[in-house]
């Protein structure tokens, strides 16, 4: 397969990756989902958008719980910084 469009990368990944991994990476790749809130360490923060930024110090880790509304937005191929 010759990749000639952005959608070709998705099709190639779907053929090559195990289903659980493909769906994990693909989830929300077209910005169609809305993140309603994020829970971290017993604290919940409202987001209400397509993306959020989390900054951790080097060597740190965190377990996040996201509350999302699936297919709340129209899918787009635009890069996050162009939206």
PDB file of N, CA and C in Angstrom:
ATOM      1  N   UNK A   1       0.845  -1.181   0.000  1.00  0.00           N
ATOM      2  CA  UNK A   1       0.000   0.000   0.000  1.00  0.00           C
ATOM      3  C   UNK A   1       0.891   1.245   0.000  1.00  0.00           C
ATOM      4  N   UNK A   2       0.568   2.176  -0.836  1.00  0.00           N
ATOM      5  CA  UNK A   2       1.254   3.456  -0.872  1.00  0.00           C
ATOM      6  C   UNK A   2       0.412   4.463  -0.101  1.00  0.00           C
ATOM      7  N   UNK A   3       1.035   5.111   0.865  1.00  0.00           N
ATOM      8  CA  UNK A   3       0.317   6.086   1.679  1.00  0.00           C
ATOM      9  C   UNK A   3       0.350   7.434   0.976  1.00  0.00           C
ATOM     10  N   UNK A   4      -0.840   7.913   0.619  1.00  0.00           N
ATOM     11  CA  UNK A   4      -0.919   9.171  -0.121  1.00  0.00           C
ATOM     12  C   UNK A   4      -1.854  10.180   0.532  1.00  0.00           C
ATOM     13  N   UNK A   5      -2.481   9.800   1.642  1.00  0.00           N
ATOM     14  CA  UNK A   5      -3.382  10.705   2.345  1.00  0.00           C
ATOM     15  C   UNK A   5      -3.345  10.380   3.835  1.00  0.00           C
ATOM     16  N   UNK A   6      -3.779  11.316   4.659  1.00  0.00           N
ATOM     17  CA  UNK A   6      -3.773  11.118   6.106  1.00  0.00           C
ATOM     18  C   UNK A   6      -4.588   9.894   6.518  1.00  0.00           C
ATOM     19  N   UNK A   7      -5.683   9.645   5.838  1.00  0.00           N
ATOM     20  CA  UNK A   7      -6.532   8.499   6.194  1.00  0.00           C
ATOM     21  C   UNK A   7      -5.842   7.172   5.893  1.00  0.00           C
ATOM     22  N   UNK A   8      -4.863   7.165   4.989  1.00  0.00           N
ATOM     23  CA  UNK A   8      -4.127   5.934   4.685  1.00  0.00           C
ATOM     24  C   UNK A   8      -3.296   5.473   5.875  1.00  0.00           C
ATOM     25  N   UNK A   9      -2.784   6.411   6.672  1.00  0.00           N
ATOM     26  CA  UNK A   9      -2.020   6.043   7.870  1.00  0.00           C
ATOM     27  C   UNK A   9      -2.908   5.286   8.850  1.00  0.00           C
ATOM     28  N   UNK A  10      -4.143   5.736   8.993  1.00  0.00           N
ATOM     29  CA  UNK A  10      -5.070   5.063   9.898  1.00  0.00           C
ATOM     30  C   UNK A  10      -5.354   3.645   9.421  1.00  0.00           C
ATOM     31  N   UNK A  11      -5.607   3.488   8.138  1.00  0.00           N
ATOM     32  CA  UNK A  11      -5.892   2.163   7.583  1.00  0.00           C
ATOM     33  C   UNK A  11      -4.695   1.237   7.752  1.00  0.00           C
ATOM     34  N   UNK A  12      -3.487   1.749   7.535  1.00  0.00           N
ATOM     35  CA  UNK A  12      -2.278   0.937   7.699  1.00  0.00           C
ATOM     36  C   UNK A  12      -2.097   0.523   9.156  1.00  0.00           C
ATOM     37  N   UNK A  13      -2.338   1.442  10.081  1.00  0.00           N
ATOM     38  CA  UNK A  13      -2.218   1.122  11.505  1.00  0.00           C
ATOM     39  C   UNK A  13      -3.244   0.083  11.916  1.00  0.00           C
ATOM     40  N   UNK A  14      -4.448   0.186  11.397  1.00  0.00           N
ATOM     41  CA  UNK A  14      -5.500  -0.770  11.749  1.00  0.00           C
ATOM     42  C   UNK A  14      -5.148  -2.177  11.280  1.00  0.00           C
ATOM     43  N   UNK A  15      -4.485  -2.282  10.128  1.00  0.00           N
ATOM     44  CA  UNK A  15      -4.077  -3.605   9.629  1.00  0.00           C
ATOM     45  C   UNK A  15      -2.919  -4.189  10.430  1.00  0.00           C
ATOM     46  N   UNK A  16      -2.020  -3.339  10.933  1.00  0.00           N
ATOM     47  CA  UNK A  16      -0.791  -3.833  11.555  1.00  0.00           C
ATOM     48  C   UNK A  16      -0.846  -3.984  13.070  1.00  0.00           C
ATOM     49  N   UNK A  17      -1.657  -3.202  13.747  1.00  0.00           N
ATOM     50  CA  UNK A  17      -1.687  -3.223  15.210  1.00  0.00           C
ATOM     51  C   UNK A  17      -2.726  -4.204  15.739  1.00  0.00           C
ATOM     52  N   UNK A  18      -2.488  -4.775  16.931  1.00  0.00           N
ATOM     53  CA  UNK A  18      -3.533  -5.574  17.582  1.00  0.00           C
ATOM     54  C   UNK A  18      -4.744  -4.669  17.855  1.00  0.00           C
ATOM     55  N   UNK A  19      -5.949  -5.219  17.785  1.00  0.00           N
ATOM     56  CA  UNK A  19      -7.154  -4.393  17.936  1.00  0.00           C
ATOM     57  C   UNK A  19      -7.169  -3.511  19.186  1.00  0.00           C
ATOM     58  N   UNK A  20      -6.772  -4.059  20.346  1.00  0.00           N
ATOM     59  CA  UNK A  20      -6.826  -3.264  21.573  1.00  0.00           C
ATOM     60  C   UNK A  20      -5.910  -2.046  21.481  1.00  0.00           C
ATOM     61  N   UNK A  21      -4.757  -2.197  20.866  1.00  0.00           N
ATOM     62  CA  UNK A  21      -3.812  -1.096  20.742  1.00  0.00           C
ATOM     63  C   UNK A  21      -4.287  -0.078  19.711  1.00  0.00           C
ATOM     64  N   UNK A  22      -4.800  -0.570  18.589  1.00  0.00           N
ATOM     65  CA  UNK A  22      -5.306   0.353  17.566  1.00  0.00           C
ATOM     66  C   UNK A  22      -6.418   1.231  18.130  1.00  0.00           C
ATOM     67  N   UNK A  23      -7.381   0.640  18.827  1.00  0.00           N
ATOM     68  CA  UNK A  23      -8.511   1.407  19.347  1.00  0.00           C
ATOM     69  C   UNK A  23      -8.081   2.358  20.457  1.00  0.00           C
ATOM     70  N   UNK A  24      -7.044   1.990  21.207  1.00  0.00           N
ATOM     71  CA  UNK A  24      -6.528   2.883  22.240  1.00  0.00           C
ATOM     72  C   UNK A  24      -5.911   4.134  21.599  1.00  0.00           C
ATOM     73  N   UNK A  25      -5.090   3.933  20.584  1.00  0.00           N
ATOM     74  CA  UNK A  25      -4.427   5.043  19.909  1.00  0.00           C
ATOM     75  C   UNK A  25      -5.417   5.848  19.070  1.00  0.00           C
ATOM     76  N   UNK A  26      -6.342   5.169  18.425  1.00  0.00           N
ATOM     77  CA  UNK A  26      -7.295   5.819  17.523  1.00  0.00           C
ATOM     78  C   UNK A  26      -8.387   6.591  18.256  1.00  0.00           C
ATOM     79  N   UNK A  27      -8.649   6.254  19.495  1.00  0.00           N
ATOM     80  CA  UNK A  27      -9.751   6.875  20.223  1.00  0.00           C
ATOM     81  C   UNK A  27      -9.647   8.384  20.270  1.00  0.00           C
ATOM     82  N   UNK A  28     -10.508   9.045  19.565  1.00  0.00           N
ATOM     83  CA  UNK A  28     -10.528  10.501  19.569  1.00  0.00           C
ATOM     84  C   UNK A  28      -9.490  11.160  18.677  1.00  0.00           C
ATOM     85  N   UNK A  29      -8.873  10.412  17.807  1.00  0.00           N
ATOM     86  CA  UNK A  29      -7.829  10.974  16.946  1.00  0.00           C
ATOM     87  C   UNK A  29      -8.369  12.049  16.002  1.00  0.00           C
ATOM     88  N   UNK A  30      -9.641  12.030  15.734  1.00  0.00           N
ATOM     89  CA  UNK A  30     -10.243  13.034  14.849  1.00  0.00           C
ATOM     90  C   UNK A  30     -10.975  14.111  15.645  1.00  0.00           C
ATOM     91  N   UNK A  31     -10.692  14.205  16.940  1.00  0.00           N
ATOM     92  CA  UNK A  31     -11.253  15.230  17.832  1.00  0.00           C
ATOM     93  C   UNK A  31     -12.768  15.179  17.918  1.00  0.00           C
ATOM     94  N   UNK A  32     -13.348  13.992  17.710  1.00  0.00           N
ATOM     95  CA  UNK A  32     -14.802  13.898  17.752  1.00  0.00           C
ATOM     96  C   UNK A  32     -15.345  13.728  19.172  1.00  0.00           C
ATOM     97  N   UNK A  33     -14.473  13.436  20.122  1.00  0.00           N
ATOM     98  CA  UNK A  33     -14.912  13.250  21.503  1.00  0.00           C
ATOM     99  C   UNK A  33     -14.648  14.508  22.323  1.00  0.00           C
ATOM    100  N   UNK A  34     -15.415  14.684  23.376  1.00  0.00           N
ATOM    101  CA  UNK A  34     -15.234  15.825  24.271  1.00  0.00           C
ATOM    102  C   UNK A  34     -14.837  15.295  25.641  1.00  0.00           C
ATOM    103  N   UNK A  35     -13.782  15.857  26.220  1.00  0.00           N
ATOM    104  CA  UNK A  35     -13.373  15.502  27.576  1.00  0.00           C
ATOM    105  C   UNK A  35     -14.166  16.400  28.515  1.00  0.00           C
ATOM    106  N   UNK A  36     -15.037  15.803  29.312  1.00  0.00           N
ATOM    107  CA  UNK A  36     -15.877  16.578  30.221  1.00  0.00           C
ATOM    108  C   UNK A  36     -15.132  16.924  31.508  1.00  0.00           C
ATOM    109  N   UNK A  37     -14.398  15.952  32.055  1.00  0.00           N
ATOM    110  CA  UNK A  37     -13.633  16.219  33.272  1.00  0.00           C
ATOM    111  C   UNK A  37     -12.507  15.204  33.397  1.00  0.00           C
ATOM    112  N   UNK A  38     -11.527  15.562  34.236  1.00  0.00           N
ATOM    113  CA  UNK A  38     -10.397  14.680  34.519  1.00  0.00           C
ATOM    114  C   UNK A  38     -10.257  14.578  36.029  1.00  0.00           C
ATOM    115  N   UNK A  39     -10.140  13.358  36.526  1.00  0.00           N
ATOM    116  CA  UNK A  39      -9.909  13.117  37.955  1.00  0.00           C
ATOM    117  C   UNK A  39      -8.467  12.665  38.132  1.00  0.00           C
ATOM    118  N   UNK A  40      -7.785  13.286  39.086  1.00  0.00           N
ATOM    119  CA  UNK A  40      -6.382  12.982  39.371  1.00  0.00           C
ATOM    120  C   UNK A  40      -6.166  13.127  40.868  1.00  0.00           C
ATOM    121  N   UNK A  41      -5.795  12.030  41.522  1.00  0.00           N
ATOM    122  CA  UNK A  41      -5.505  12.085  42.948  1.00  0.00           C
ATOM    123  C   UNK A  41      -6.658  12.565  43.807  1.00  0.00           C
ATOM    124  N   UNK A  42      -7.878  12.157  43.487  1.00  0.00           N
ATOM    125  CA  UNK A  42      -9.040  12.546  44.269  1.00  0.00           C
ATOM    126  C   UNK A  42      -9.589  13.926  43.939  1.00  0.00           C
ATOM    127  N   UNK A  43      -8.975  14.625  43.012  1.00  0.00           N
ATOM    128  CA  UNK A  43      -9.426  15.960  42.608  1.00  0.00           C
ATOM    129  C   UNK A  43      -9.973  15.879  41.184  1.00  0.00           C
ATOM    130  N   UNK A  44     -11.132  16.451  40.939  1.00  0.00           N
ATOM    131  CA  UNK A  44     -11.740  16.451  39.610  1.00  0.00           C
ATOM    132  C   UNK A  44     -11.738  17.871  39.058  1.00  0.00           C
ATOM    133  N   UNK A  45     -11.301  17.974  37.800  1.00  0.00           N
ATOM    134  CA  UNK A  45     -11.225  19.271  37.125  1.00  0.00           C
ATOM    135  C   UNK A  45     -12.109  19.212  35.880  1.00  0.00           C
ATOM    136  N   UNK A  46     -12.990  20.180  35.729  1.00  0.00           N
ATOM    137  CA  UNK A  46     -13.838  20.261  34.537  1.00  0.00           C
ATOM    138  C   UNK A  46     -12.992  20.726  33.354  1.00  0.00           C
ATOM    139  N   UNK A  47     -13.202  20.095  32.191  1.00  0.00           N
ATOM    140  CA  UNK A  47     -12.459  20.461  30.982  1.00  0.00           C
ATOM    141  C   UNK A  47     -13.413  21.017  29.939  1.00  0.00           C
ATOM    142  N   UNK A  48     -14.357  20.191  29.476  1.00  0.00           N
ATOM    143  CA  UNK A  48     -15.342  20.636  28.503  1.00  0.00           C
ATOM    144  C   UNK A  48     -14.778  20.950  27.135  1.00  0.00           C
ATOM    145  N   UNK A  49     -13.728  20.248  26.719  1.00  0.00           N
ATOM    146  CA  UNK A  49     -13.131  20.508  25.413  1.00  0.00           C
ATOM    147  C   UNK A  49     -12.548  19.256  24.786  1.00  0.00           C
ATOM    148  N   UNK A  50     -11.878  19.445  23.653  1.00  0.00           N
ATOM    149  CA  UNK A  50     -11.319  18.326  22.895  1.00  0.00           C
ATOM    150  C   UNK A  50      -9.975  17.848  23.415  1.00  0.00           C
ATOM    151  N   UNK A  51      -9.282  18.697  24.169  1.00  0.00           N
ATOM    152  CA  UNK A  51      -7.969  18.308  24.676  1.00  0.00           C
ATOM    153  C   UNK A  51      -7.688  19.011  26.005  1.00  0.00           C
ATOM    154  N   UNK A  52      -6.704  18.487  26.709  1.00  0.00           N
ATOM    155  CA  UNK A  52      -6.267  19.074  27.969  1.00  0.00           C
ATOM    156  C   UNK A  52      -4.759  18.901  28.051  1.00  0.00           C
ATOM    157  N   UNK A  53      -4.110  19.708  28.870  1.00  0.00           N
ATOM    158  CA  UNK A  53      -2.664  19.622  29.055  1.00  0.00           C
ATOM    159  C   UNK A  53      -2.371  19.228  30.488  1.00  0.00           C
ATOM    160  N   UNK A  54      -1.498  18.261  30.646  1.00  0.00           N
ATOM    161  CA  UNK A  54      -1.069  17.807  31.966  1.00  0.00           C
ATOM    162  C   UNK A  54       0.443  17.903  32.016  1.00  0.00           C
ATOM    163  N   UNK A  55       0.953  18.584  33.013  1.00  0.00           N
ATOM    164  CA  UNK A  55       2.408  18.704  33.170  1.00  0.00           C
ATOM    165  C   UNK A  55       2.828  17.947  34.413  1.00  0.00           C
ATOM    166  N   UNK A  56       3.778  17.036  34.240  1.00  0.00           N
ATOM    167  CA  UNK A  56       4.321  16.269  35.347  1.00  0.00           C
ATOM    168  C   UNK A  56       5.805  16.547  35.464  1.00  0.00           C
ATOM    169  N   UNK A  57       6.311  16.526  36.669  1.00  0.00           N
ATOM    170  CA  UNK A  57       7.743  16.672  36.877  1.00  0.00           C
ATOM    171  C   UNK A  57       8.446  15.418  36.360  1.00  0.00           C
ATOM    172  N   UNK A  58       9.704  15.540  35.949  1.00  0.00           N
ATOM    173  CA  UNK A  58      10.450  14.372  35.465  1.00  0.00           C
ATOM    174  C   UNK A  58      10.429  13.233  36.493  1.00  0.00           C
ATOM    175  N   UNK A  59      10.186  12.041  36.012  1.00  0.00           N
ATOM    176  CA  UNK A  59      10.160  10.859  36.869  1.00  0.00           C
ATOM    177  C   UNK A  59       8.841  10.610  37.562  1.00  0.00           C
ATOM    178  N   UNK A  60       7.888  11.493  37.411  1.00  0.00           N
ATOM    179  CA  UNK A  60       6.585  11.338  38.053  1.00  0.00           C
ATOM    180  C   UNK A  60       5.662  10.492  37.188  1.00  0.00           C
ATOM    181  N   UNK A  61       4.622  10.048  37.780  1.00  0.00           N
ATOM    182  CA  UNK A  61       3.583   9.320  37.069  1.00  0.00           C
ATOM    183  C   UNK A  61       2.244   9.691  37.675  1.00  0.00           C
ATOM    184  N   UNK A  62       1.190   9.387  36.991  1.00  0.00           N
ATOM    185  CA  UNK A  62      -0.140   9.709  37.491  1.00  0.00           C
ATOM    186  C   UNK A  62      -1.155   8.773  36.859  1.00  0.00           C
ATOM    187  N   UNK A  63      -2.230   8.536  37.569  1.00  0.00           N
ATOM    188  CA  UNK A  63      -3.355   7.764  37.040  1.00  0.00           C
ATOM    189  C   UNK A  63      -4.515   8.737  36.856  1.00  0.00           C
ATOM    190  N   UNK A  64      -4.935   8.881  35.626  1.00  0.00           N
ATOM    191  CA  UNK A  64      -6.022   9.798  35.288  1.00  0.00           C
ATOM    192  C   UNK A  64      -7.300   9.024  35.007  1.00  0.00           C
ATOM    193  N   UNK A  65      -8.416   9.600  35.374  1.00  0.00           N
ATOM    194  CA  UNK A  65      -9.722   9.075  34.986  1.00  0.00           C
ATOM    195  C   UNK A  65     -10.414  10.176  34.197  1.00  0.00           C
ATOM    196  N   UNK A  66     -10.760   9.864  32.952  1.00  0.00           N
ATOM    197  CA  UNK A  66     -11.401  10.844  32.087  1.00  0.00           C
ATOM    198  C   UNK A  66     -12.875  10.521  31.939  1.00  0.00           C
ATOM    199  N   UNK A  67     -13.702  11.532  32.079  1.00  0.00           N
ATOM    200  CA  UNK A  67     -15.123  11.414  31.777  1.00  0.00           C
ATOM    201  C   UNK A  67     -15.301  12.066  30.422  1.00  0.00           C
ATOM    202  N   UNK A  68     -15.770  11.285  29.438  1.00  0.00           N
ATOM    203  CA  UNK A  68     -15.845  11.775  28.064  1.00  0.00           C
ATOM    204  C   UNK A  68     -17.240  11.584  27.489  1.00  0.00           C
ATOM    205  N   UNK A  69     -17.575  12.427  26.547  1.00  0.00           N
ATOM    206  CA  UNK A  69     -18.773  12.261  25.738  1.00  0.00           C
ATOM    207  C   UNK A  69     -18.296  11.907  24.338  1.00  0.00           C
ATOM    208  N   UNK A  70     -18.627  10.705  23.903  1.00  0.00           N
ATOM    209  CA  UNK A  70     -18.177  10.242  22.596  1.00  0.00           C
ATOM    210  C   UNK A  70     -18.998  10.873  21.483  1.00  0.00           C
ATOM    211  N   UNK A  71     -18.329  11.175  20.385  1.00  0.00           N
ATOM    212  CA  UNK A  71     -18.948  11.716  19.169  1.00  0.00           C
ATOM    213  C   UNK A  71     -19.717  13.009  19.444  1.00  0.00           C
ATOM    214  N   UNK A  72     -19.199  13.846  20.331  1.00  0.00           N
ATOM    215  CA  UNK A  72     -19.834  15.129  20.648  1.00  0.00           C
ATOM    216  C   UNK A  72     -19.481  16.196  19.619  1.00  0.00           C
ATOM    217  N   UNK A  73     -18.363  16.009  18.909  1.00  0.00           N
ATOM    218  CA  UNK A  73     -17.898  16.991  17.931  1.00  0.00           C
ATOM    219  C   UNK A  73     -17.835  16.356  16.547  1.00  0.00           C
ATOM    220  N   UNK A  74     -17.902  17.179  15.546  1.00  0.00           N
ATOM    221  CA  UNK A  74     -17.744  16.704  14.172  1.00  0.00           C
ATOM    222  C   UNK A  74     -16.276  16.323  13.940  1.00  0.00           C
ATOM    223  N   UNK A  75     -15.992  15.137  13.375  1.00  0.00           N
ATOM    224  CA  UNK A  75     -14.604  14.723  13.141  1.00  0.00           C
ATOM    225  C   UNK A  75     -13.860  15.695  12.224  1.00  0.00           C
ATOM    226  N   UNK A  76     -12.556  15.839  12.466  1.00  0.00           N
ATOM    227  CA  UNK A  76     -11.727  16.727  11.656  1.00  0.00           C
ATOM    228  C   UNK A  76     -10.337  16.122  11.493  1.00  0.00           C
ATOM    229  N   UNK A  77      -9.678  16.444  10.406  1.00  0.00           N
ATOM    230  CA  UNK A  77      -8.284  16.020  10.183  1.00  0.00           C
ATOM    231  C   UNK A  77      -7.316  17.128  10.546  1.00  0.00           C
ATOM    232  N   UNK A  78      -7.805  18.247  11.064  1.00  0.00           N
ATOM    233  CA  UNK A  78      -6.946  19.375  11.419  1.00  0.00           C
ATOM    234  C   UNK A  78      -6.038  18.999  12.594  1.00  0.00           C
ATOM    235  N   UNK A  79      -4.838  19.534  12.614  1.00  0.00           N
ATOM    236  CA  UNK A  79      -3.925  19.313  13.721  1.00  0.00           C
ATOM    237  C   UNK A  79      -4.454  20.044  14.952  1.00  0.00           C
ATOM    238  N   UNK A  80      -4.164  19.546  16.161  1.00  0.00           N
ATOM    239  CA  UNK A  80      -4.677  20.202  17.372  1.00  0.00           C
ATOM    240  C   UNK A  80      -4.307  21.680  17.457  1.00  0.00           C
ATOM    241  N   UNK A  81      -3.112  22.060  17.030  1.00  0.00           N
ATOM    242  CA  UNK A  81      -2.703  23.463  17.116  1.00  0.00           C
ATOM    243  C   UNK A  81      -3.363  24.337  16.059  1.00  0.00           C
ATOM    244  N   UNK A  82      -4.049  23.733  15.080  1.00  0.00           N
ATOM    245  CA  UNK A  82      -4.764  24.495  14.053  1.00  0.00           C
ATOM    246  C   UNK A  82      -6.257  24.623  14.359  1.00  0.00           C
ATOM    247  N   UNK A  83      -6.719  23.997  15.416  1.00  0.00           N
ATOM    248  CA  UNK A  83      -8.156  24.012  15.701  1.00  0.00           C
ATOM    249  C   UNK A  83      -8.552  25.235  16.472  1.00  0.00           C
TER     250      UNK A  83
END
